[in-house]
């Protein structure tokens, strides 16, 4: 059997005839596996000692991390942490001052075409030509990757994103949520094995969030590598296998999601005082007091037995309560503590 030359779109045969899969979700061994991808690659993305400065701002300070094949990876951090800068370098939209990034073994600078071919990026910004239809927009995107006969796949992507009824509608006529779906479809038209989602659900309704995550989770189960940035920490907690947290251009937490939660696991007692002040002997149990409003306190508990002891101490000090709640730590609690200087957490297991 003739072997296609390197660089030939993987959904075409050597003679150029279309070789489209009939059912996308039943062929996970083919989806996203470009013909020129090195077979020995163990990581989908390798980031090594990446630094980037914008005038007086050091946006990235030697970031290093890897994303494994088939992983659902979260990249979290507050505004200005360096997430968008890192994604811009990954996508070839910016150059690192130092360090390197590779996608499935392809350096994003030295082997840009192969790296970009392996990557699908869903940006934050809604940028479209308003005079093209949804189908035309996706055909044009396909053309950037040399895919001339891609309508079957375009139809399948649109169907999975509930865009079929809008296929012939002009982009300017779409709602913000529909435009966001088209962004996702654009990132998928060339069947990339690695998909980067930069705040994909920012400002969209609950229905779209559910539709998008159902589809993206299905792609991940079929072997696609997903990198997600989001400010919705409940999304990251439920979706991501591993999470990296950036703070002022540095990785300050990197571990499996369950390991991060376990590190900060345990019970917490939330108190909102109506009158009085928290006894001084309980201050050592507080989690991030600066982040809470006056009268609000979040105390770490070793077990449920401590609840009554703490409440008794508060009552003895003259406190009355507006609200009492026992909570379990979640990713938001981890995030707040890390961003407030809980120290570097690193575990690559």
C-alpha atoms as a PDB file:
ATOM      1  CA  UNK A   1       0.000   0.000   0.000  1.00  0.00           C
ATOM      2  CA  UNK A   2       1.330   3.418  -0.898  1.00  0.00           C
ATOM      3  CA  UNK A   3       2.210   5.624   2.052  1.00  0.00           C
ATOM      4  CA  UNK A   4       1.046   9.249   1.885  1.00  0.00           C
ATOM      5  CA  UNK A   5       3.898  11.738   1.894  1.00  0.00           C
ATOM      6  CA  UNK A   6       4.477  13.760   5.036  1.00  0.00           C
ATOM      7  CA  UNK A   7       2.311  16.844   5.227  1.00  0.00           C
ATOM      8  CA  UNK A   8      -0.620  15.435   3.218  1.00  0.00           C
ATOM      9  CA  UNK A   9      -3.917  16.097   5.034  1.00  0.00           C
ATOM     10  CA  UNK A  10      -4.620  12.909   6.935  1.00  0.00           C
ATOM     11  CA  UNK A  11      -8.206  12.657   5.675  1.00  0.00           C
ATOM     12  CA  UNK A  12      -7.046  12.264   2.073  1.00  0.00           C
ATOM     13  CA  UNK A  13      -5.500   9.274   0.345  1.00  0.00           C
ATOM     14  CA  UNK A  14      -2.257   9.388  -1.572  1.00  0.00           C
ATOM     15  CA  UNK A  15      -4.112  10.103  -4.821  1.00  0.00           C
ATOM     16  CA  UNK A  16      -6.006  12.966  -3.205  1.00  0.00           C
ATOM     17  CA  UNK A  17      -9.456  11.380  -3.041  1.00  0.00           C
ATOM     18  CA  UNK A  18     -11.460  12.084   0.105  1.00  0.00           C
ATOM     19  CA  UNK A  19     -11.304   9.405   2.739  1.00  0.00           C
ATOM     20  CA  UNK A  20     -13.838  10.689   5.218  1.00  0.00           C
ATOM     21  CA  UNK A  21     -14.906   8.682   8.239  1.00  0.00           C
ATOM     22  CA  UNK A  22     -18.563   7.715   8.314  1.00  0.00           C
ATOM     23  CA  UNK A  23     -18.963   7.994  12.060  1.00  0.00           C
ATOM     24  CA  UNK A  24     -16.700  10.446  13.893  1.00  0.00           C
ATOM     25  CA  UNK A  25     -17.085   9.082  17.392  1.00  0.00           C
ATOM     26  CA  UNK A  26     -16.334   5.466  16.428  1.00  0.00           C
ATOM     27  CA  UNK A  27     -12.881   6.062  14.983  1.00  0.00           C
ATOM     28  CA  UNK A  28     -10.878   7.458  17.854  1.00  0.00           C
ATOM     29  CA  UNK A  29      -7.717   5.808  16.521  1.00  0.00           C
ATOM     30  CA  UNK A  30      -7.845   8.138  13.490  1.00  0.00           C
ATOM     31  CA  UNK A  31      -9.306  11.394  14.736  1.00  0.00           C
ATOM     32  CA  UNK A  32      -6.696  14.048  15.246  1.00  0.00           C
ATOM     33  CA  UNK A  33      -3.722  11.860  14.392  1.00  0.00           C
ATOM     34  CA  UNK A  34      -1.875  13.794  11.739  1.00  0.00           C
ATOM     35  CA  UNK A  35       0.255  11.801   9.324  1.00  0.00           C
ATOM     36  CA  UNK A  36       3.395  13.700  10.207  1.00  0.00           C
ATOM     37  CA  UNK A  37       3.105  13.439  13.994  1.00  0.00           C
ATOM     38  CA  UNK A  38       6.111  11.710  15.575  1.00  0.00           C
ATOM     39  CA  UNK A  39       5.089   8.282  16.886  1.00  0.00           C
ATOM     40  CA  UNK A  40       7.362   8.493  19.919  1.00  0.00           C
ATOM     41  CA  UNK A  41       5.854  11.677  21.334  1.00  0.00           C
ATOM     42  CA  UNK A  42       4.667  11.163  24.929  1.00  0.00           C
ATOM     43  CA  UNK A  43       3.323  14.663  25.636  1.00  0.00           C
ATOM     44  CA  UNK A  44       0.804  16.690  23.682  1.00  0.00           C
ATOM     45  CA  UNK A  45       2.368  19.984  24.816  1.00  0.00           C
ATOM     46  CA  UNK A  46       5.813  20.638  26.287  1.00  0.00           C
ATOM     47  CA  UNK A  47       6.531  24.075  27.766  1.00  0.00           C
ATOM     48  CA  UNK A  48      10.087  24.649  28.936  1.00  0.00           C
ATOM     49  CA  UNK A  49      11.394  27.716  30.806  1.00  0.00           C
ATOM     50  CA  UNK A  50       9.270  30.190  28.833  1.00  0.00           C
ATOM     51  CA  UNK A  51       9.833  33.863  29.576  1.00  0.00           C
ATOM     52  CA  UNK A  52       8.109  36.866  28.030  1.00  0.00           C
ATOM     53  CA  UNK A  53       8.433  40.573  28.800  1.00  0.00           C
ATOM     54  CA  UNK A  54       6.297  43.456  27.572  1.00  0.00           C
ATOM     55  CA  UNK A  55       8.357  46.578  28.271  1.00  0.00           C
ATOM     56  CA  UNK A  56       8.427  46.827  32.085  1.00  0.00           C
ATOM     57  CA  UNK A  57       6.024  43.907  32.618  1.00  0.00           C
ATOM     58  CA  UNK A  58       7.500  40.428  33.008  1.00  0.00           C
ATOM     59  CA  UNK A  59       4.439  38.489  31.823  1.00  0.00           C
ATOM     60  CA  UNK A  60       6.011  35.020  32.090  1.00  0.00           C
ATOM     61  CA  UNK A  61       8.881  34.143  34.429  1.00  0.00           C
ATOM     62  CA  UNK A  62      10.219  30.802  33.275  1.00  0.00           C
ATOM     63  CA  UNK A  63       7.051  28.724  32.972  1.00  0.00           C
ATOM     64  CA  UNK A  64       7.567  24.964  32.586  1.00  0.00           C
ATOM     65  CA  UNK A  65       4.868  22.298  32.363  1.00  0.00           C
ATOM     66  CA  UNK A  66       3.720  19.444  30.158  1.00  0.00           C
ATOM     67  CA  UNK A  67       0.296  18.262  29.041  1.00  0.00           C
ATOM     68  CA  UNK A  68      -0.035  14.560  28.337  1.00  0.00           C
ATOM     69  CA  UNK A  69      -1.805  13.031  25.342  1.00  0.00           C
ATOM     70  CA  UNK A  70      -5.535  12.633  25.986  1.00  0.00           C
ATOM     71  CA  UNK A  71      -5.480  14.759  29.120  1.00  0.00           C
ATOM     72  CA  UNK A  72      -8.092  17.358  30.106  1.00  0.00           C
ATOM     73  CA  UNK A  73      -5.812  20.053  31.508  1.00  0.00           C
ATOM     74  CA  UNK A  74      -6.839  23.239  33.321  1.00  0.00           C
ATOM     75  CA  UNK A  75      -4.804  26.456  33.231  1.00  0.00           C
ATOM     76  CA  UNK A  76      -6.099  28.780  35.929  1.00  0.00           C
ATOM     77  CA  UNK A  77      -5.134  32.155  37.293  1.00  0.00           C
ATOM     78  CA  UNK A  78      -6.454  35.665  37.904  1.00  0.00           C
ATOM     79  CA  UNK A  79      -6.481  38.335  35.211  1.00  0.00           C
ATOM     80  CA  UNK A  80      -2.914  39.316  34.383  1.00  0.00           C
ATOM     81  CA  UNK A  81      -1.430  36.002  35.536  1.00  0.00           C
ATOM     82  CA  UNK A  82      -0.006  35.225  32.066  1.00  0.00           C
ATOM     83  CA  UNK A  83      -2.516  32.677  30.740  1.00  0.00           C
ATOM     84  CA  UNK A  84      -3.365  34.518  27.518  1.00  0.00           C
ATOM     85  CA  UNK A  85       0.300  35.328  26.889  1.00  0.00           C
ATOM     86  CA  UNK A  86       1.193  31.649  27.226  1.00  0.00           C
ATOM     87  CA  UNK A  87      -1.605  30.609  24.856  1.00  0.00           C
ATOM     88  CA  UNK A  88      -0.556  33.293  22.364  1.00  0.00           C
ATOM     89  CA  UNK A  89       2.976  31.878  22.294  1.00  0.00           C
ATOM     90  CA  UNK A  90       1.592  28.348  21.983  1.00  0.00           C
ATOM     91  CA  UNK A  91      -0.557  29.391  19.005  1.00  0.00           C
ATOM     92  CA  UNK A  92       2.280  31.277  17.303  1.00  0.00           C
ATOM     93  CA  UNK A  93       0.744  34.722  17.845  1.00  0.00           C
ATOM     94  CA  UNK A  94       3.647  35.863  20.033  1.00  0.00           C
ATOM     95  CA  UNK A  95       7.296  34.897  20.482  1.00  0.00           C
ATOM     96  CA  UNK A  96       8.863  33.878  23.761  1.00  0.00           C
ATOM     97  CA  UNK A  97      11.967  35.794  24.819  1.00  0.00           C
ATOM     98  CA  UNK A  98      13.431  32.583  26.222  1.00  0.00           C
ATOM     99  CA  UNK A  99      12.433  28.938  26.376  1.00  0.00           C
ATOM    100  CA  UNK A 100      10.485  26.730  23.998  1.00  0.00           C
ATOM    101  CA  UNK A 101       7.052  25.209  23.392  1.00  0.00           C
ATOM    102  CA  UNK A 102       6.286  22.149  21.297  1.00  0.00           C
ATOM    103  CA  UNK A 103       2.991  20.578  20.228  1.00  0.00           C
ATOM    104  CA  UNK A 104       3.202  16.800  19.766  1.00  0.00           C
ATOM    105  CA  UNK A 105       6.944  17.126  19.280  1.00  0.00           C
ATOM    106  CA  UNK A 106       6.797  20.069  16.852  1.00  0.00           C
ATOM    107  CA  UNK A 107       8.457  23.293  17.979  1.00  0.00           C
ATOM    108  CA  UNK A 108       5.994  26.174  17.582  1.00  0.00           C
ATOM    109  CA  UNK A 109       8.717  28.361  16.039  1.00  0.00           C
ATOM    110  CA  UNK A 110      11.016  25.995  14.143  1.00  0.00           C
ATOM    111  CA  UNK A 111       8.205  23.724  12.905  1.00  0.00           C
ATOM    112  CA  UNK A 112       5.302  26.139  12.955  1.00  0.00           C
ATOM    113  CA  UNK A 113       3.161  24.543  10.252  1.00  0.00           C
ATOM    114  CA  UNK A 114       3.117  21.095  11.839  1.00  0.00           C
ATOM    115  CA  UNK A 115       2.571  22.544  15.319  1.00  0.00           C
ATOM    116  CA  UNK A 116      -0.313  24.722  14.159  1.00  0.00           C
ATOM    117  CA  UNK A 117      -1.858  21.833  12.245  1.00  0.00           C
ATOM    118  CA  UNK A 118      -1.959  19.770  15.447  1.00  0.00           C
ATOM    119  CA  UNK A 119      -3.599  22.598  17.378  1.00  0.00           C
ATOM    120  CA  UNK A 120      -7.128  23.991  17.469  1.00  0.00           C
ATOM    121  CA  UNK A 121      -7.558  27.232  19.437  1.00  0.00           C
ATOM    122  CA  UNK A 122     -10.846  28.736  20.624  1.00  0.00           C
ATOM    123  CA  UNK A 123      -9.978  32.355  21.553  1.00  0.00           C
ATOM    124  CA  UNK A 124     -11.805  34.629  23.972  1.00  0.00           C
ATOM    125  CA  UNK A 125     -12.597  37.236  21.338  1.00  0.00           C
ATOM    126  CA  UNK A 126     -15.526  36.878  18.918  1.00  0.00           C
ATOM    127  CA  UNK A 127     -13.821  37.795  15.645  1.00  0.00           C
ATOM    128  CA  UNK A 128     -15.621  37.009  12.377  1.00  0.00           C
ATOM    129  CA  UNK A 129     -16.325  38.422   8.948  1.00  0.00           C
ATOM    130  CA  UNK A 130     -20.001  39.401   9.392  1.00  0.00           C
ATOM    131  CA  UNK A 131     -20.884  38.892   5.723  1.00  0.00           C
ATOM    132  CA  UNK A 132     -20.133  35.161   5.515  1.00  0.00           C
ATOM    133  CA  UNK A 133     -22.536  32.421   6.550  1.00  0.00           C
ATOM    134  CA  UNK A 134     -21.660  29.853   9.182  1.00  0.00           C
ATOM    135  CA  UNK A 135     -20.944  27.220   6.540  1.00  0.00           C
ATOM    136  CA  UNK A 136     -18.811  29.614   4.477  1.00  0.00           C
ATOM    137  CA  UNK A 137     -16.851  30.584   7.585  1.00  0.00           C
ATOM    138  CA  UNK A 138     -16.055  26.941   8.313  1.00  0.00           C
ATOM    139  CA  UNK A 139     -15.157  26.221   4.680  1.00  0.00           C
ATOM    140  CA  UNK A 140     -12.728  29.141   4.678  1.00  0.00           C
ATOM    141  CA  UNK A 141     -11.167  27.877   7.905  1.00  0.00           C
ATOM    142  CA  UNK A 142     -10.815  24.436   6.300  1.00  0.00           C
ATOM    143  CA  UNK A 143      -9.048  26.033   3.356  1.00  0.00           C
ATOM    144  CA  UNK A 144      -6.354  27.431   5.626  1.00  0.00           C
ATOM    145  CA  UNK A 145      -5.341  23.810   6.239  1.00  0.00           C
ATOM    146  CA  UNK A 146      -5.635  22.705   2.622  1.00  0.00           C
ATOM    147  CA  UNK A 147      -8.901  20.807   3.111  1.00  0.00           C
ATOM    148  CA  UNK A 148     -10.989  21.275  -0.036  1.00  0.00           C
ATOM    149  CA  UNK A 149     -13.537  18.505   0.485  1.00  0.00           C
ATOM    150  CA  UNK A 150     -14.498  18.870   4.110  1.00  0.00           C
ATOM    151  CA  UNK A 151     -18.283  19.384   4.007  1.00  0.00           C
ATOM    152  CA  UNK A 152     -19.158  16.033   5.576  1.00  0.00           C
ATOM    153  CA  UNK A 153     -17.028  16.817   8.589  1.00  0.00           C
ATOM    154  CA  UNK A 154     -18.319  20.416   8.750  1.00  0.00           C
ATOM    155  CA  UNK A 155     -21.890  19.077   8.793  1.00  0.00           C
ATOM    156  CA  UNK A 156     -21.000  16.684  11.598  1.00  0.00           C
ATOM    157  CA  UNK A 157     -19.364  19.375  13.721  1.00  0.00           C
ATOM    158  CA  UNK A 158     -22.316  21.731  13.196  1.00  0.00           C
ATOM    159  CA  UNK A 159     -24.751  18.978  14.175  1.00  0.00           C
ATOM    160  CA  UNK A 160     -22.870  18.263  17.404  1.00  0.00           C
ATOM    161  CA  UNK A 161     -22.853  21.977  18.290  1.00  0.00           C
ATOM    162  CA  UNK A 162     -26.527  22.525  17.341  1.00  0.00           C
ATOM    163  CA  UNK A 163     -25.536  24.841  14.484  1.00  0.00           C
ATOM    164  CA  UNK A 164     -27.216  22.997  11.609  1.00  0.00           C
ATOM    165  CA  UNK A 165     -30.266  25.276  11.514  1.00  0.00           C
ATOM    166  CA  UNK A 166     -27.946  28.304  11.345  1.00  0.00           C
ATOM    167  CA  UNK A 167     -25.648  26.904   8.633  1.00  0.00           C
ATOM    168  CA  UNK A 168     -26.802  29.413   6.008  1.00  0.00           C
ATOM    169  CA  UNK A 169     -27.282  32.361   8.358  1.00  0.00           C
ATOM    170  CA  UNK A 170     -24.890  35.308   8.187  1.00  0.00           C
ATOM    171  CA  UNK A 171     -22.545  35.598  11.125  1.00  0.00           C
ATOM    172  CA  UNK A 172     -23.815  39.100  11.929  1.00  0.00           C
ATOM    173  CA  UNK A 173     -27.314  37.655  12.512  1.00  0.00           C
ATOM    174  CA  UNK A 174     -26.189  35.217  15.211  1.00  0.00           C
ATOM    175  CA  UNK A 175     -26.491  35.674  18.943  1.00  0.00           C
ATOM    176  CA  UNK A 176     -23.353  35.818  21.059  1.00  0.00           C
ATOM    177  CA  UNK A 177     -23.867  32.222  22.159  1.00  0.00           C
ATOM    178  CA  UNK A 178     -24.183  30.983  18.572  1.00  0.00           C
ATOM    179  CA  UNK A 179     -21.047  32.884  17.574  1.00  0.00           C
ATOM    180  CA  UNK A 180     -19.233  31.180  20.426  1.00  0.00           C
ATOM    181  CA  UNK A 181     -20.303  27.807  19.015  1.00  0.00           C
ATOM    182  CA  UNK A 182     -18.938  28.784  15.603  1.00  0.00           C
ATOM    183  CA  UNK A 183     -15.591  29.609  17.247  1.00  0.00           C
ATOM    184  CA  UNK A 184     -15.468  26.075  18.611  1.00  0.00           C
ATOM    185  CA  UNK A 185     -16.423  24.647  15.209  1.00  0.00           C
ATOM    186  CA  UNK A 186     -13.642  26.666  13.537  1.00  0.00           C
ATOM    187  CA  UNK A 187     -11.105  25.170  15.914  1.00  0.00           C
ATOM    188  CA  UNK A 188     -12.265  21.651  15.013  1.00  0.00           C
ATOM    189  CA  UNK A 189     -12.601  21.781  11.216  1.00  0.00           C
ATOM    190  CA  UNK A 190      -9.108  20.373  10.611  1.00  0.00           C
ATOM    191  CA  UNK A 191      -9.494  17.645  13.267  1.00  0.00           C
ATOM    192  CA  UNK A 192      -6.702  18.795  15.587  1.00  0.00           C
ATOM    193  CA  UNK A 193      -5.534  16.314  18.232  1.00  0.00           C
ATOM    194  CA  UNK A 194      -4.938  19.179  20.701  1.00  0.00           C
ATOM    195  CA  UNK A 195      -7.686  21.714  21.475  1.00  0.00           C
ATOM    196  CA  UNK A 196      -7.128  24.895  23.507  1.00  0.00           C
ATOM    197  CA  UNK A 197     -10.208  26.610  24.949  1.00  0.00           C
ATOM    198  CA  UNK A 198      -9.566  30.138  26.235  1.00  0.00           C
ATOM    199  CA  UNK A 199     -12.569  31.162  28.370  1.00  0.00           C
ATOM    200  CA  UNK A 200     -15.024  29.394  26.025  1.00  0.00           C
ATOM    201  CA  UNK A 201     -18.089  29.911  28.227  1.00  0.00           C
ATOM    202  CA  UNK A 202     -17.476  33.517  29.284  1.00  0.00           C
ATOM    203  CA  UNK A 203     -20.743  35.434  29.080  1.00  0.00           C
ATOM    204  CA  UNK A 204     -22.835  32.607  27.620  1.00  0.00           C
ATOM    205  CA  UNK A 205     -26.032  31.005  28.883  1.00  0.00           C
ATOM    206  CA  UNK A 206     -26.355  27.781  30.833  1.00  0.00           C
ATOM    207  CA  UNK A 207     -27.746  25.856  27.850  1.00  0.00           C
ATOM    208  CA  UNK A 208     -24.683  26.613  25.726  1.00  0.00           C
ATOM    209  CA  UNK A 209     -22.328  25.718  28.561  1.00  0.00           C
ATOM    210  CA  UNK A 210     -23.983  22.334  28.935  1.00  0.00           C
ATOM    211  CA  UNK A 211     -24.016  21.670  25.172  1.00  0.00           C
ATOM    212  CA  UNK A 212     -20.383  22.694  24.789  1.00  0.00           C
ATOM    213  CA  UNK A 213     -19.084  20.645  27.704  1.00  0.00           C
ATOM    214  CA  UNK A 214     -21.027  17.590  26.620  1.00  0.00           C
ATOM    215  CA  UNK A 215     -19.387  17.764  23.183  1.00  0.00           C
ATOM    216  CA  UNK A 216     -15.891  18.648  24.435  1.00  0.00           C
ATOM    217  CA  UNK A 217     -15.999  15.899  27.063  1.00  0.00           C
ATOM    218  CA  UNK A 218     -16.956  13.448  24.351  1.00  0.00           C
ATOM    219  CA  UNK A 219     -14.012  14.573  22.215  1.00  0.00           C
ATOM    220  CA  UNK A 220     -11.726  14.094  25.201  1.00  0.00           C
ATOM    221  CA  UNK A 221     -13.018  10.569  25.750  1.00  0.00           C
ATOM    222  CA  UNK A 222     -12.262   9.846  22.097  1.00  0.00           C
ATOM    223  CA  UNK A 223      -8.601  10.810  22.592  1.00  0.00           C
ATOM    224  CA  UNK A 224      -8.354  14.565  22.048  1.00  0.00           C
ATOM    225  CA  UNK A 225      -6.154  16.545  24.418  1.00  0.00           C
ATOM    226  CA  UNK A 226      -8.004  19.530  25.915  1.00  0.00           C
ATOM    227  CA  UNK A 227      -6.442  22.604  27.531  1.00  0.00           C
ATOM    228  CA  UNK A 228      -8.947  24.866  29.287  1.00  0.00           C
ATOM    229  CA  UNK A 229      -8.667  28.318  30.805  1.00  0.00           C
ATOM    230  CA  UNK A 230     -11.712  29.479  32.730  1.00  0.00           C
ATOM    231  CA  UNK A 231     -12.812  31.644  35.628  1.00  0.00           C
ATOM    232  CA  UNK A 232     -15.632  29.177  36.340  1.00  0.00           C
ATOM    233  CA  UNK A 233     -13.779  27.055  38.863  1.00  0.00           C
ATOM    234  CA  UNK A 234     -16.630  24.566  39.215  1.00  0.00           C
ATOM    235  CA  UNK A 235     -16.130  23.746  35.519  1.00  0.00           C
ATOM    236  CA  UNK A 236     -12.430  23.143  36.007  1.00  0.00           C
ATOM    237  CA  UNK A 237     -13.053  21.006  39.087  1.00  0.00           C
ATOM    238  CA  UNK A 238     -15.533  18.724  37.325  1.00  0.00           C
ATOM    239  CA  UNK A 239     -13.766  18.507  33.937  1.00  0.00           C
ATOM    240  CA  UNK A 240     -10.000  18.678  34.400  1.00  0.00           C
ATOM    241  CA  UNK A 241      -7.677  15.764  35.180  1.00  0.00           C
ATOM    242  CA  UNK A 242      -4.820  18.076  36.165  1.00  0.00           C
ATOM    243  CA  UNK A 243      -4.593  21.767  36.905  1.00  0.00           C
ATOM    244  CA  UNK A 244      -1.836  24.374  36.790  1.00  0.00           C
ATOM    245  CA  UNK A 245      -2.308  27.705  38.530  1.00  0.00           C
ATOM    246  CA  UNK A 246      -0.430  30.796  37.398  1.00  0.00           C
ATOM    247  CA  UNK A 247       0.247  33.819  39.567  1.00  0.00           C
ATOM    248  CA  UNK A 248       2.133  36.839  38.230  1.00  0.00           C
ATOM    249  CA  UNK A 249       3.757  34.823  35.444  1.00  0.00           C
ATOM    250  CA  UNK A 250       4.800  31.809  37.518  1.00  0.00           C
ATOM    251  CA  UNK A 251       3.369  28.337  38.068  1.00  0.00           C
ATOM    252  CA  UNK A 252       2.437  28.201  41.750  1.00  0.00           C
ATOM    253  CA  UNK A 253       0.370  25.001  41.712  1.00  0.00           C
ATOM    254  CA  UNK A 254       0.549  21.977  39.440  1.00  0.00           C
ATOM    255  CA  UNK A 255      -1.068  18.673  40.324  1.00  0.00           C
ATOM    256  CA  UNK A 256      -3.977  16.365  39.702  1.00  0.00           C
ATOM    257  CA  UNK A 257      -7.303  17.956  40.579  1.00  0.00           C
ATOM    258  CA  UNK A 258      -8.100  15.377  43.236  1.00  0.00           C
ATOM    259  CA  UNK A 259      -4.651  15.826  44.789  1.00  0.00           C
ATOM    260  CA  UNK A 260      -5.109  19.603  44.999  1.00  0.00           C
ATOM    261  CA  UNK A 261      -8.474  19.134  46.655  1.00  0.00           C
ATOM    262  CA  UNK A 262      -7.058  16.555  49.047  1.00  0.00           C
ATOM    263  CA  UNK A 263      -4.276  18.900  50.080  1.00  0.00           C
ATOM    264  CA  UNK A 264      -6.848  21.468  51.117  1.00  0.00           C
ATOM    265  CA  UNK A 265      -9.454  18.877  52.010  1.00  0.00           C
ATOM    266  CA  UNK A 266     -11.377  18.799  55.198  1.00  0.00           C
ATOM    267  CA  UNK A 267     -14.316  20.535  56.724  1.00  0.00           C
ATOM    268  CA  UNK A 268     -14.787  24.253  57.090  1.00  0.00           C
ATOM    269  CA  UNK A 269     -17.131  26.163  59.360  1.00  0.00           C
ATOM    270  CA  UNK A 270     -18.584  29.339  57.875  1.00  0.00           C
ATOM    271  CA  UNK A 271     -19.829  31.911  60.383  1.00  0.00           C
ATOM    272  CA  UNK A 272     -21.555  35.222  59.751  1.00  0.00           C
ATOM    273  CA  UNK A 273     -21.732  37.067  63.041  1.00  0.00           C
ATOM    274  CA  UNK A 274     -24.656  39.330  63.910  1.00  0.00           C
ATOM    275  CA  UNK A 275     -22.944  40.716  67.011  1.00  0.00           C
ATOM    276  CA  UNK A 276     -19.599  40.344  68.699  1.00  0.00           C
ATOM    277  CA  UNK A 277     -16.115  39.470  67.482  1.00  0.00           C
ATOM    278  CA  UNK A 278     -14.470  36.132  66.849  1.00  0.00           C
ATOM    279  CA  UNK A 279     -12.469  35.050  69.937  1.00  0.00           C
ATOM    280  CA  UNK A 280      -8.748  35.573  69.426  1.00  0.00           C
ATOM    281  CA  UNK A 281      -7.961  31.920  70.197  1.00  0.00           C
ATOM    282  CA  UNK A 282      -9.870  30.941  67.027  1.00  0.00           C
ATOM    283  CA  UNK A 283      -7.961  33.253  64.667  1.00  0.00           C
ATOM    284  CA  UNK A 284      -5.387  30.552  63.916  1.00  0.00           C
ATOM    285  CA  UNK A 285      -8.129  28.416  62.358  1.00  0.00           C
ATOM    286  CA  UNK A 286      -9.209  31.075  59.848  1.00  0.00           C
ATOM    287  CA  UNK A 287      -8.791  30.545  56.102  1.00  0.00           C
ATOM    288  CA  UNK A 288      -7.914  33.726  54.213  1.00  0.00           C
ATOM    289  CA  UNK A 289      -9.631  36.259  56.510  1.00  0.00           C
ATOM    290  CA  UNK A 290      -8.671  39.200  54.266  1.00  0.00           C
ATOM    291  CA  UNK A 291     -10.902  37.885  51.473  1.00  0.00           C
ATOM    292  CA  UNK A 292     -14.072  38.031  53.584  1.00  0.00           C
ATOM    293  CA  UNK A 293     -16.472  40.771  54.554  1.00  0.00           C
ATOM    294  CA  UNK A 294     -16.582  42.091  58.139  1.00  0.00           C
ATOM    295  CA  UNK A 295     -18.305  39.595  60.394  1.00  0.00           C
ATOM    296  CA  UNK A 296     -17.627  36.657  58.054  1.00  0.00           C
ATOM    297  CA  UNK A 297     -15.250  33.893  59.080  1.00  0.00           C
ATOM    298  CA  UNK A 298     -14.239  30.557  57.552  1.00  0.00           C
ATOM    299  CA  UNK A 299     -12.602  28.202  60.042  1.00  0.00           C
ATOM    300  CA  UNK A 300     -10.796  24.945  59.318  1.00  0.00           C
ATOM    301  CA  UNK A 301     -12.166  21.881  61.100  1.00  0.00           C
ATOM    302  CA  UNK A 302     -10.419  18.613  61.902  1.00  0.00           C
ATOM    303  CA  UNK A 303     -13.793  16.882  62.361  1.00  0.00           C
ATOM    304  CA  UNK A 304     -17.453  17.553  63.079  1.00  0.00           C
ATOM    305  CA  UNK A 305     -16.882  17.362  66.835  1.00  0.00           C
ATOM    306  CA  UNK A 306     -15.094  20.723  66.715  1.00  0.00           C
ATOM    307  CA  UNK A 307     -18.224  22.570  65.578  1.00  0.00           C
ATOM    308  CA  UNK A 308     -19.932  22.676  68.962  1.00  0.00           C
ATOM    309  CA  UNK A 309     -16.690  23.586  70.752  1.00  0.00           C
ATOM    310  CA  UNK A 310     -16.136  26.572  68.438  1.00  0.00           C
ATOM    311  CA  UNK A 311     -19.747  27.728  68.712  1.00  0.00           C
ATOM    312  CA  UNK A 312     -19.568  27.467  72.498  1.00  0.00           C
ATOM    313  CA  UNK A 313     -16.423  29.617  72.554  1.00  0.00           C
ATOM    314  CA  UNK A 314     -18.107  32.200  70.345  1.00  0.00           C
ATOM    315  CA  UNK A 315     -21.233  32.318  72.518  1.00  0.00           C
ATOM    316  CA  UNK A 316     -19.084  32.669  75.640  1.00  0.00           C
ATOM    317  CA  UNK A 317     -17.451  35.703  73.999  1.00  0.00           C
ATOM    318  CA  UNK A 318     -20.862  37.293  73.395  1.00  0.00           C
ATOM    319  CA  UNK A 319     -21.266  36.402  69.711  1.00  0.00           C
ATOM    320  CA  UNK A 320     -24.616  35.864  68.027  1.00  0.00           C
ATOM    321  CA  UNK A 321     -24.997  34.430  64.545  1.00  0.00           C
ATOM    322  CA  UNK A 322     -26.790  35.335  61.332  1.00  0.00           C
ATOM    323  CA  UNK A 323     -25.556  32.227  59.532  1.00  0.00           C
ATOM    324  CA  UNK A 324     -23.776  28.975  60.376  1.00  0.00           C
ATOM    325  CA  UNK A 325     -22.735  26.482  57.700  1.00  0.00           C
ATOM    326  CA  UNK A 326     -20.429  23.471  57.568  1.00  0.00           C
ATOM    327  CA  UNK A 327     -18.721  23.191  54.168  1.00  0.00           C
ATOM    328  CA  UNK A 328     -16.336  20.887  52.333  1.00  0.00           C
ATOM    329  CA  UNK A 329     -13.403  22.509  50.573  1.00  0.00           C
ATOM    330  CA  UNK A 330     -13.709  22.939  46.783  1.00  0.00           C
ATOM    331  CA  UNK A 331     -11.409  24.196  44.037  1.00  0.00           C
ATOM    332  CA  UNK A 332     -12.362  27.790  44.771  1.00  0.00           C
ATOM    333  CA  UNK A 333     -10.990  27.404  48.286  1.00  0.00           C
ATOM    334  CA  UNK A 334      -7.777  25.938  46.885  1.00  0.00           C
ATOM    335  CA  UNK A 335      -7.499  28.743  44.333  1.00  0.00           C
ATOM    336  CA  UNK A 336      -8.004  31.503  46.897  1.00  0.00           C
ATOM    337  CA  UNK A 337      -5.409  30.068  49.256  1.00  0.00           C
ATOM    338  CA  UNK A 338      -2.838  29.526  46.491  1.00  0.00           C
ATOM    339  CA  UNK A 339      -3.341  33.021  45.086  1.00  0.00           C
ATOM    340  CA  UNK A 340      -2.864  34.420  48.572  1.00  0.00           C
ATOM    341  CA  UNK A 341       0.511  32.776  48.996  1.00  0.00           C
ATOM    342  CA  UNK A 342      -0.092  29.216  50.143  1.00  0.00           C
ATOM    343  CA  UNK A 343       3.174  28.301  48.442  1.00  0.00           C
ATOM    344  CA  UNK A 344       4.172  26.330  45.403  1.00  0.00           C
ATOM    345  CA  UNK A 345       2.346  23.028  45.093  1.00  0.00           C
ATOM    346  CA  UNK A 346       3.850  20.646  42.601  1.00  0.00           C
ATOM    347  CA  UNK A 347       3.111  17.024  41.977  1.00  0.00           C
ATOM    348  CA  UNK A 348       3.434  15.576  38.515  1.00  0.00           C
ATOM    349  CA  UNK A 349       1.847  12.226  39.271  1.00  0.00           C
END
